[in-house]
Amino acid sequence: MFENQNADDVQAMMARSDEFRRLYQHHRELDRQVEEAEHGLNPIDDMTLHTLKKEKLRAKDRLTFLWEHRA
């Protein structure tokens, strides 16, 4: 997430906003877990995978909102 943004801008946002930093790290961890599950490295049931994906999407939505409304 935020691959198309300037890395310095993303780092500055993480330095300014505890919520953004926490959500960014949480989103990355969820992304890792989903990837591992989808590649069979961490077998989990479909309901758990679905829950992880929904949580990841909620984090992404909030991150996008914070990014778009940064001062």
PDB file of N, CA and C in Angstrom:
ATOM      1  N   MET A   1       0.842  -1.173   0.000  1.00  0.00           N
ATOM      2  CA  MET A   1       0.000   0.000   0.000  1.00  0.00           C
ATOM      3  C   MET A   1       0.889   1.237   0.000  1.00  0.00           C
ATOM      4  N   PHE A   2       0.489   2.237  -0.725  1.00  0.00           N
ATOM      5  CA  PHE A   2       1.203   3.501  -0.886  1.00  0.00           C
ATOM      6  C   PHE A   2       2.502   3.325  -1.679  1.00  0.00           C
ATOM      7  N   GLU A   3       2.557   2.270  -2.514  1.00  0.00           N
ATOM      8  CA  GLU A   3       3.739   2.040  -3.339  1.00  0.00           C
ATOM      9  C   GLU A   3       3.959   3.169  -4.344  1.00  0.00           C
ATOM     10  N   ASN A   4       2.872   3.813  -4.754  1.00  0.00           N
ATOM     11  CA  ASN A   4       2.964   4.880  -5.749  1.00  0.00           C
ATOM     12  C   ASN A   4       3.206   6.253  -5.131  1.00  0.00           C
ATOM     13  N   GLN A   5       3.354   6.292  -3.816  1.00  0.00           N
ATOM     14  CA  GLN A   5       3.600   7.557  -3.125  1.00  0.00           C
ATOM     15  C   GLN A   5       5.087   7.701  -2.820  1.00  0.00           C
ATOM     16  N   ASN A   6       5.510   8.910  -2.653  1.00  0.00           N
ATOM     17  CA  ASN A   6       6.889   9.188  -2.272  1.00  0.00           C
ATOM     18  C   ASN A   6       7.143   8.581  -0.890  1.00  0.00           C
ATOM     19  N   ALA A   7       8.192   7.761  -0.788  1.00  0.00           N
ATOM     20  CA  ALA A   7       8.502   7.071   0.470  1.00  0.00           C
ATOM     21  C   ALA A   7       8.741   8.064   1.602  1.00  0.00           C
ATOM     22  N   ASP A   8       9.350   9.209   1.301  1.00  0.00           N
ATOM     23  CA  ASP A   8       9.589  10.221   2.333  1.00  0.00           C
ATOM     24  C   ASP A   8       8.270  10.794   2.858  1.00  0.00           C
ATOM     25  N   ASP A   9       7.292  10.964   1.962  1.00  0.00           N
ATOM     26  CA  ASP A   9       5.984  11.467   2.385  1.00  0.00           C
ATOM     27  C   ASP A   9       5.281  10.458   3.300  1.00  0.00           C
ATOM     28  N   VAL A  10       5.380   9.183   2.956  1.00  0.00           N
ATOM     29  CA  VAL A  10       4.758   8.135   3.779  1.00  0.00           C
ATOM     30  C   VAL A  10       5.439   8.092   5.146  1.00  0.00           C
ATOM     31  N   GLN A  11       6.766   8.163   5.166  1.00  0.00           N
ATOM     32  CA  GLN A  11       7.495   8.156   6.436  1.00  0.00           C
ATOM     33  C   GLN A  11       7.135   9.377   7.283  1.00  0.00           C
ATOM     34  N   ALA A  12       6.997  10.518   6.647  1.00  0.00           N
ATOM     35  CA  ALA A  12       6.628  11.732   7.376  1.00  0.00           C
ATOM     36  C   ALA A  12       5.235  11.593   7.974  1.00  0.00           C
ATOM     37  N   MET A  13       4.328  10.990   7.225  1.00  0.00           N
ATOM     38  CA  MET A  13       2.969  10.781   7.735  1.00  0.00           C
ATOM     39  C   MET A  13       2.998   9.830   8.930  1.00  0.00           C
ATOM     40  N   MET A  14       3.803   8.795   8.860  1.00  0.00           N
ATOM     41  CA  MET A  14       3.904   7.859   9.982  1.00  0.00           C
ATOM     42  C   MET A  14       4.507   8.544  11.205  1.00  0.00           C
ATOM     43  N   ALA A  15       5.422   9.466  10.992  1.00  0.00           N
ATOM     44  CA  ALA A  15       6.028  10.193  12.102  1.00  0.00           C
ATOM     45  C   ALA A  15       5.023  11.153  12.752  1.00  0.00           C
ATOM     46  N   ARG A  16       4.117  11.717  11.937  1.00  0.00           N
ATOM     47  CA  ARG A  16       3.128  12.685  12.431  1.00  0.00           C
ATOM     48  C   ARG A  16       1.925  12.040  13.084  1.00  0.00           C
ATOM     49  N   SER A  17       1.560  10.863  12.622  1.00  0.00           N
ATOM     50  CA  SER A  17       0.295  10.273  13.056  1.00  0.00           C
ATOM     51  C   SER A  17       0.494   8.869  13.618  1.00  0.00           C
ATOM     52  N   ASP A  18       0.255   8.745  14.915  1.00  0.00           N
ATOM     53  CA  ASP A  18       0.341   7.425  15.547  1.00  0.00           C
ATOM     54  C   ASP A  18      -0.686   6.473  14.946  1.00  0.00           C
ATOM     55  N   GLU A  19      -1.888   6.981  14.676  1.00  0.00           N
ATOM     56  CA  GLU A  19      -2.932   6.132  14.105  1.00  0.00           C
ATOM     57  C   GLU A  19      -2.515   5.617  12.727  1.00  0.00           C
ATOM     58  N   PHE A  20      -1.984   6.496  11.898  1.00  0.00           N
ATOM     59  CA  PHE A  20      -1.556   6.099  10.559  1.00  0.00           C
ATOM     60  C   PHE A  20      -0.457   5.046  10.651  1.00  0.00           C
ATOM     61  N   ARG A  21       0.524   5.283  11.511  1.00  0.00           N
ATOM     62  CA  ARG A  21       1.643   4.341  11.657  1.00  0.00           C
ATOM     63  C   ARG A  21       1.134   2.974  12.124  1.00  0.00           C
ATOM     64  N   ARG A  22       0.257   2.982  13.130  1.00  0.00           N
ATOM     65  CA  ARG A  22      -0.274   1.732  13.660  1.00  0.00           C
ATOM     66  C   ARG A  22      -1.073   0.983  12.591  1.00  0.00           C
ATOM     67  N   LEU A  23      -1.933   1.695  11.887  1.00  0.00           N
ATOM     68  CA  LEU A  23      -2.740   1.064  10.845  1.00  0.00           C
ATOM     69  C   LEU A  23      -1.887   0.577   9.679  1.00  0.00           C
ATOM     70  N   TYR A  24      -0.879   1.342   9.316  1.00  0.00           N
ATOM     71  CA  TYR A  24       0.014   0.958   8.218  1.00  0.00           C
ATOM     72  C   TYR A  24       0.722  -0.353   8.556  1.00  0.00           C
ATOM     73  N   GLN A  25       1.253  -0.452   9.764  1.00  0.00           N
ATOM     74  CA  GLN A  25       1.934  -1.671  10.195  1.00  0.00           C
ATOM     75  C   GLN A  25       0.950  -2.835  10.306  1.00  0.00           C
ATOM     76  N   HIS A  26      -0.246  -2.557  10.811  1.00  0.00           N
ATOM     77  CA  HIS A  26      -1.271  -3.590  10.932  1.00  0.00           C
ATOM     78  C   HIS A  26      -1.678  -4.099   9.545  1.00  0.00           C
ATOM     79  N   HIS A  27      -1.858  -3.189   8.605  1.00  0.00           N
ATOM     80  CA  HIS A  27      -2.225  -3.559   7.239  1.00  0.00           C
ATOM     81  C   HIS A  27      -1.140  -4.434   6.623  1.00  0.00           C
ATOM     82  N   ARG A  28       0.113  -4.083   6.822  1.00  0.00           N
ATOM     83  CA  ARG A  28       1.213  -4.892   6.281  1.00  0.00           C
ATOM     84  C   ARG A  28       1.215  -6.289   6.880  1.00  0.00           C
ATOM     85  N   GLU A  29       0.956  -6.397   8.182  1.00  0.00           N
ATOM     86  CA  GLU A  29       0.915  -7.700   8.835  1.00  0.00           C
ATOM     87  C   GLU A  29      -0.263  -8.520   8.314  1.00  0.00           C
ATOM     88  N   LEU A  30      -1.416  -7.903   8.165  1.00  0.00           N
ATOM     89  CA  LEU A  30      -2.569  -8.609   7.613  1.00  0.00           C
ATOM     90  C   LEU A  30      -2.291  -9.061   6.183  1.00  0.00           C
ATOM     91  N   ASP A  31      -1.649  -8.227   5.405  1.00  0.00           N
ATOM     92  CA  ASP A  31      -1.299  -8.576   4.033  1.00  0.00           C
ATOM     93  C   ASP A  31      -0.393  -9.809   4.017  1.00  0.00           C
ATOM     94  N   ARG A  32       0.576  -9.848   4.912  1.00  0.00           N
ATOM     95  CA  ARG A  32       1.477 -10.992   5.006  1.00  0.00           C
ATOM     96  C   ARG A  32       0.701 -12.255   5.353  1.00  0.00           C
ATOM     97  N   GLN A  33      -0.195 -12.150   6.316  1.00  0.00           N
ATOM     98  CA  GLN A  33      -0.977 -13.308   6.738  1.00  0.00           C
ATOM     99  C   GLN A  33      -1.875 -13.828   5.610  1.00  0.00           C
ATOM    100  N   VAL A  34      -2.503 -12.924   4.878  1.00  0.00           N
ATOM    101  CA  VAL A  34      -3.360 -13.318   3.768  1.00  0.00           C
ATOM    102  C   VAL A  34      -2.528 -13.990   2.681  1.00  0.00           C
ATOM    103  N   GLU A  35      -1.393 -13.391   2.344  1.00  0.00           N
ATOM    104  CA  GLU A  35      -0.513 -13.974   1.324  1.00  0.00           C
ATOM    105  C   GLU A  35      -0.069 -15.379   1.720  1.00  0.00           C
ATOM    106  N   GLU A  36       0.344 -15.548   2.955  1.00  0.00           N
ATOM    107  CA  GLU A  36       0.780 -16.862   3.418  1.00  0.00           C
ATOM    108  C   GLU A  36      -0.355 -17.875   3.344  1.00  0.00           C
ATOM    109  N   ALA A  37      -1.547 -17.466   3.715  1.00  0.00           N
ATOM    110  CA  ALA A  37      -2.699 -18.362   3.673  1.00  0.00           C
ATOM    111  C   ALA A  37      -3.031 -18.744   2.231  1.00  0.00           C
ATOM    112  N   GLU A  38      -3.002 -17.779   1.346  1.00  0.00           N
ATOM    113  CA  GLU A  38      -3.349 -18.037  -0.047  1.00  0.00           C
ATOM    114  C   GLU A  38      -2.321 -18.913  -0.751  1.00  0.00           C
ATOM    115  N   HIS A  39      -1.087 -18.889  -0.278  1.00  0.00           N
ATOM    116  CA  HIS A  39      -0.026 -19.717  -0.869  1.00  0.00           C
ATOM    117  C   HIS A  39       0.179 -21.023  -0.112  1.00  0.00           C
ATOM    118  N   GLY A  40      -0.677 -21.283   0.858  1.00  0.00           N
ATOM    119  CA  GLY A  40      -0.603 -22.544   1.587  1.00  0.00           C
ATOM    120  C   GLY A  40       0.493 -22.624   2.628  1.00  0.00           C
ATOM    121  N   LEU A  41       1.125 -21.509   2.925  1.00  0.00           N
ATOM    122  CA  LEU A  41       2.194 -21.496   3.923  1.00  0.00           C
ATOM    123  C   LEU A  41       1.650 -21.474   5.337  1.00  0.00           C
ATOM    124  N   ASN A  42       0.449 -20.957   5.481  1.00  0.00           N
ATOM    125  CA  ASN A  42      -0.210 -20.890   6.777  1.00  0.00           C
ATOM    126  C   ASN A  42      -1.673 -21.293   6.569  1.00  0.00           C
ATOM    127  N   PRO A  43      -1.924 -22.593   6.592  1.00  0.00           N
ATOM    128  CA  PRO A  43      -3.292 -23.029   6.306  1.00  0.00           C
ATOM    129  C   PRO A  43      -4.284 -22.569   7.371  1.00  0.00           C
ATOM    130  N   ILE A  44      -5.308 -21.858   6.916  1.00  0.00           N
ATOM    131  CA  ILE A  44      -6.384 -21.411   7.795  1.00  0.00           C
ATOM    132  C   ILE A  44      -7.705 -21.690   7.086  1.00  0.00           C
ATOM    133  N   ASP A  45      -8.767 -21.720   7.849  1.00  0.00           N
ATOM    134  CA  ASP A  45     -10.071 -21.998   7.249  1.00  0.00           C
ATOM    135  C   ASP A  45     -10.570 -20.774   6.482  1.00  0.00           C
ATOM    136  N   ASP A  46     -11.529 -21.016   5.603  1.00  0.00           N
ATOM    137  CA  ASP A  46     -12.040 -19.959   4.731  1.00  0.00           C
ATOM    138  C   ASP A  46     -12.652 -18.789   5.505  1.00  0.00           C
ATOM    139  N   MET A  47     -13.318 -19.093   6.597  1.00  0.00           N
ATOM    140  CA  MET A  47     -13.953 -18.027   7.389  1.00  0.00           C
ATOM    141  C   MET A  47     -12.885 -17.111   7.995  1.00  0.00           C
ATOM    142  N   THR A  48     -11.815 -17.691   8.504  1.00  0.00           N
ATOM    143  CA  THR A  48     -10.730 -16.886   9.076  1.00  0.00           C
ATOM    144  C   THR A  48     -10.074 -16.039   8.002  1.00  0.00           C
ATOM    145  N   LEU A  49      -9.845 -16.617   6.831  1.00  0.00           N
ATOM    146  CA  LEU A  49      -9.249 -15.868   5.727  1.00  0.00           C
ATOM    147  C   LEU A  49     -10.169 -14.718   5.324  1.00  0.00           C
ATOM    148  N   HIS A  50     -11.448 -14.985   5.237  1.00  0.00           N
ATOM    149  CA  HIS A  50     -12.417 -13.941   4.896  1.00  0.00           C
ATOM    150  C   HIS A  50     -12.376 -12.811   5.930  1.00  0.00           C
ATOM    151  N   THR A  51     -12.289 -13.161   7.198  1.00  0.00           N
ATOM    152  CA  THR A  51     -12.225 -12.168   8.273  1.00  0.00           C
ATOM    153  C   THR A  51     -10.955 -11.332   8.155  1.00  0.00           C
ATOM    154  N   LEU A  52      -9.831 -11.982   7.874  1.00  0.00           N
ATOM    155  CA  LEU A  52      -8.567 -11.249   7.700  1.00  0.00           C
ATOM    156  C   LEU A  52      -8.668 -10.262   6.538  1.00  0.00           C
ATOM    157  N   LYS A  53      -9.266 -10.694   5.450  1.00  0.00           N
ATOM    158  CA  LYS A  53      -9.404  -9.818   4.290  1.00  0.00           C
ATOM    159  C   LYS A  53     -10.299  -8.619   4.589  1.00  0.00           C
ATOM    160  N   LYS A  54     -11.388  -8.842   5.328  1.00  0.00           N
ATOM    161  CA  LYS A  54     -12.265  -7.734   5.694  1.00  0.00           C
ATOM    162  C   LYS A  54     -11.550  -6.748   6.610  1.00  0.00           C
ATOM    163  N   GLU A  55     -10.784  -7.268   7.561  1.00  0.00           N
ATOM    164  CA  GLU A  55     -10.043  -6.395   8.470  1.00  0.00           C
ATOM    165  C   GLU A  55      -8.991  -5.599   7.705  1.00  0.00           C
ATOM    166  N   LYS A  56      -8.331  -6.262   6.759  1.00  0.00           N
ATOM    167  CA  LYS A  56      -7.331  -5.587   5.929  1.00  0.00           C
ATOM    168  C   LYS A  56      -7.972  -4.466   5.120  1.00  0.00           C
ATOM    169  N   LEU A  57      -9.159  -4.719   4.573  1.00  0.00           N
ATOM    170  CA  LEU A  57      -9.863  -3.699   3.795  1.00  0.00           C
ATOM    171  C   LEU A  57     -10.286  -2.520   4.667  1.00  0.00           C
ATOM    172  N   ARG A  58     -10.750  -2.795   5.879  1.00  0.00           N
ATOM    173  CA  ARG A  58     -11.110  -1.700   6.793  1.00  0.00           C
ATOM    174  C   ARG A  58      -9.886  -0.846   7.119  1.00  0.00           C
ATOM    175  N   ALA A  59      -8.738  -1.501   7.343  1.00  0.00           N
ATOM    176  CA  ALA A  59      -7.510  -0.750   7.623  1.00  0.00           C
ATOM    177  C   ALA A  59      -7.122   0.095   6.412  1.00  0.00           C
ATOM    178  N   LYS A  60      -7.225  -0.487   5.217  1.00  0.00           N
ATOM    179  CA  LYS A  60      -6.887   0.248   4.003  1.00  0.00           C
ATOM    180  C   LYS A  60      -7.802   1.455   3.817  1.00  0.00           C
ATOM    181  N   ASP A  61      -9.098   1.262   4.056  1.00  0.00           N
ATOM    182  CA  ASP A  61     -10.043   2.370   3.913  1.00  0.00           C
ATOM    183  C   ASP A  61      -9.699   3.514   4.867  1.00  0.00           C
ATOM    184  N   ARG A  62      -9.384   3.184   6.097  1.00  0.00           N
ATOM    185  CA  ARG A  62      -9.041   4.225   7.082  1.00  0.00           C
ATOM    186  C   ARG A  62      -7.721   4.897   6.712  1.00  0.00           C
ATOM    187  N   LEU A  63      -6.740   4.109   6.272  1.00  0.00           N
ATOM    188  CA  LEU A  63      -5.460   4.679   5.847  1.00  0.00           C
ATOM    189  C   LEU A  63      -5.660   5.643   4.681  1.00  0.00           C
ATOM    190  N   THR A  64      -6.483   5.236   3.735  1.00  0.00           N
ATOM    191  CA  THR A  64      -6.753   6.094   2.581  1.00  0.00           C
ATOM    192  C   THR A  64      -7.417   7.393   3.016  1.00  0.00           C
ATOM    193  N   PHE A  65      -8.365   7.293   3.926  1.00  0.00           N
ATOM    194  CA  PHE A  65      -9.018   8.485   4.447  1.00  0.00           C
ATOM    195  C   PHE A  65      -8.006   9.410   5.119  1.00  0.00           C
ATOM    196  N   LEU A  66      -7.157   8.856   5.988  1.00  0.00           N
ATOM    197  CA  LEU A  66      -6.150   9.664   6.675  1.00  0.00           C
ATOM    198  C   LEU A  66      -5.183  10.298   5.693  1.00  0.00           C
ATOM    199  N   TRP A  67      -4.788   9.548   4.655  1.00  0.00           N
ATOM    200  CA  TRP A  67      -3.858  10.056   3.661  1.00  0.00           C
ATOM    201  C   TRP A  67      -4.472  11.220   2.892  1.00  0.00           C
ATOM    202  N   GLU A  68      -5.720  11.047   2.483  1.00  0.00           N
ATOM    203  CA  GLU A  68      -6.390  12.074   1.685  1.00  0.00           C
ATOM    204  C   GLU A  68      -6.699  13.335   2.497  1.00  0.00           C
ATOM    205  N   HIS A  69      -6.766  13.211   3.817  1.00  0.00           N
ATOM    206  CA  HIS A  69      -7.094  14.353   4.676  1.00  0.00           C
ATOM    207  C   HIS A  69      -5.905  14.827   5.518  1.00  0.00           C
ATOM    208  N   ARG A  70      -4.711  14.469   5.081  1.00  0.00           N
ATOM    209  CA  ARG A  70      -3.535  14.911   5.826  1.00  0.00           C
ATOM    210  C   ARG A  70      -3.359  16.401   5.644  1.00  0.00           C
ATOM    211  N   ALA A  71      -2.818  17.036   6.655  1.00  0.00           N
ATOM    212  CA  ALA A  71      -2.633  18.497   6.601  1.00  0.00           C
ATOM    213  C   ALA A  71      -1.225  18.836   6.197  1.00  0.00           C
TER     214      ALA A  71
END
